Amino acid sequence: MEGSRIQSSSKLLLIILALVVVVGASAISAAKAKGNGGGDGTTCGMGTNELMECKPAVEAGSAEPPKPTALCCSYLKHANLTCFCTFKNNNLLPLIGINVTRAMELPSKCDPTQTANCA
């Protein structure tokens, strides 16, 4: 009986993991189709390393995240901020530890005149 429960739990975990992978891949494909994630490895004009530079300032779980670094802010100056609006209601970002509200506020934390202007 115990082995059967463990086997059922393992199968359920594998199904959930497969669903997360499929949903994640679908979100990435949809973003690329909208031009938000280019085939050149960028998302809204920012490369992976550039996005990672900004991640500490938008991570969930801390009461007061660190301010964005000067390097992060310089990357944001060249990003397509309107493009980031397509991620505003993305349910996957919290799963990877991103606080969506903080992410949407990030441009203005670097430069008060910079906003994503999401409608």
Protein backbone atom coordinates (compact mmCIF):
# COMPACT_ATOMS: atom_id res chain seq x y z
CA MET A 1 0.00 0.00 0.00
CA GLU A 2 2.77 2.44 0.95
CA GLY A 3 4.70 1.69 -2.25
CA SER A 4 1.56 2.30 -4.28
CA ARG A 5 1.09 5.74 -2.70
CA ILE A 6 4.69 6.69 -3.34
CA GLN A 7 4.39 5.53 -6.94
CA SER A 8 1.17 7.57 -7.38
CA SER A 9 2.81 10.63 -5.85
CA SER A 10 5.80 10.25 -8.15
CA LYS A 11 3.54 10.01 -11.20
CA LEU A 12 1.59 13.09 -10.11
CA LEU A 13 4.84 15.02 -9.60
CA LEU A 14 6.04 14.02 -13.07
CA ILE A 15 2.74 15.12 -14.61
CA ILE A 16 2.91 18.49 -12.84
CA LEU A 17 6.54 18.95 -13.90
CA ALA A 18 5.64 18.12 -17.51
CA LEU A 19 2.78 20.63 -17.42
CA VAL A 20 5.08 23.36 -16.08
CA VAL A 21 7.57 22.66 -18.87
CA VAL A 22 4.83 22.70 -21.54
CA VAL A 23 3.27 25.89 -20.21
CA GLY A 24 6.68 27.53 -19.95
CA ALA A 25 7.58 26.54 -23.49
CA SER A 26 4.22 27.83 -24.70
CA ALA A 27 4.76 31.18 -22.99
CA ILE A 28 8.21 31.50 -24.54
CA SER A 29 6.86 30.58 -27.97
CA ALA A 30 4.04 33.10 -27.62
CA ALA A 31 6.49 35.79 -26.55
CA LYS A 32 8.71 35.06 -29.54
CA ALA A 33 5.72 35.13 -31.87
CA LYS A 34 4.82 38.58 -30.52
CA GLY A 35 8.40 39.73 -30.99
CA ASN A 36 9.10 39.86 -27.26
CA GLY A 37 11.73 37.18 -27.24
CA GLY A 38 13.80 37.27 -30.35
CA GLY A 39 15.58 34.38 -31.90
CA ASP A 40 18.79 36.20 -31.03
CA GLY A 41 18.38 35.27 -27.36
CA THR A 42 16.90 38.56 -26.25
CA THR A 43 13.71 39.42 -24.44
CA CYS A 44 12.39 42.89 -25.17
CA GLY A 45 15.85 43.94 -26.32
CA MET A 46 17.69 42.60 -23.28
CA GLY A 47 19.93 39.54 -23.27
CA THR A 48 19.87 36.89 -20.57
CA ASN A 49 22.90 38.32 -18.76
CA GLU A 50 21.34 41.78 -18.82
CA LEU A 51 18.08 40.44 -17.38
CA MET A 52 20.01 38.57 -14.69
CA GLU A 53 21.77 41.80 -13.71
CA CYS A 54 18.35 43.25 -12.89
CA LYS A 55 16.89 40.15 -11.21
CA PRO A 56 17.91 40.94 -7.59
CA ALA A 57 15.87 44.15 -7.74
CA VAL A 58 12.70 42.32 -8.79
CA GLU A 59 12.95 39.07 -6.84
CA ALA A 60 10.05 38.00 -4.71
CA GLY A 61 10.45 37.02 -1.09
CA SER A 62 12.30 39.98 0.36
CA ALA A 63 10.56 42.82 2.14
CA GLU A 64 12.89 45.39 0.62
CA PRO A 65 14.75 44.35 -2.52
CA PRO A 66 18.07 45.99 -3.37
CA LYS A 67 18.03 48.97 -5.67
CA PRO A 68 18.78 48.18 -9.31
CA THR A 69 22.46 48.40 -10.13
CA ALA A 70 23.83 51.11 -12.40
CA LEU A 71 24.56 48.39 -14.96
CA CYS A 72 20.96 47.14 -14.83
CA CYS A 73 19.72 50.68 -15.36
CA SER A 74 22.02 51.17 -18.33
CA TYR A 75 20.62 47.99 -19.90
CA LEU A 76 17.05 49.19 -19.32
CA LYS A 77 17.77 52.39 -21.24
CA HIS A 78 18.11 50.30 -24.40
CA ALA A 79 15.23 47.90 -23.71
CA ASN A 80 11.81 47.94 -25.32
CA LEU A 81 9.83 48.85 -22.20
CA THR A 82 6.45 48.61 -23.92
CA CYS A 83 7.33 45.02 -24.80
CA PHE A 84 7.63 44.21 -21.10
CA CYS A 85 3.93 45.02 -20.71
CA THR A 86 3.12 41.69 -22.35
CA PHE A 87 4.58 40.01 -19.27
CA LYS A 88 2.55 42.08 -16.80
CA ASN A 89 -0.08 39.38 -16.26
CA ASN A 90 2.26 36.43 -16.76
CA ASN A 91 1.61 33.73 -14.18
CA LEU A 92 4.97 32.06 -14.75
CA LEU A 93 7.18 34.88 -13.49
CA PRO A 94 6.25 34.31 -9.83
CA LEU A 95 7.15 30.64 -10.30
CA ILE A 96 10.73 31.65 -11.04
CA GLY A 97 10.85 34.12 -8.15
CA ILE A 98 10.02 37.35 -9.98
CA ASN A 99 7.70 39.85 -8.33
CA VAL A 100 5.76 41.21 -11.32
CA THR A 101 4.87 44.49 -9.58
CA ARG A 102 8.54 45.16 -8.81
CA ALA A 103 9.48 44.26 -12.37
CA MET A 104 6.98 46.75 -13.80
CA GLU A 105 8.28 49.47 -11.43
CA LEU A 106 11.94 48.80 -12.24
CA PRO A 107 12.37 51.28 -15.13
CA SER A 108 11.11 54.19 -13.01
CA LYS A 109 13.42 53.17 -10.15
CA CYS A 110 16.32 53.70 -12.54
CA ASP A 111 14.97 56.87 -14.11
CA PRO A 112 11.70 58.49 -12.99
CA THR A 113 11.01 59.53 -16.58
CA GLN A 114 11.20 55.91 -17.80
CA THR A 115 7.98 53.91 -17.68
CA ALA A 116 6.63 50.97 -19.59
CA ASN A 117 3.35 52.81 -20.30
CA CYS A 118 1.24 49.68 -20.06
CA ALA A 119 -2.38 50.30 -20.96
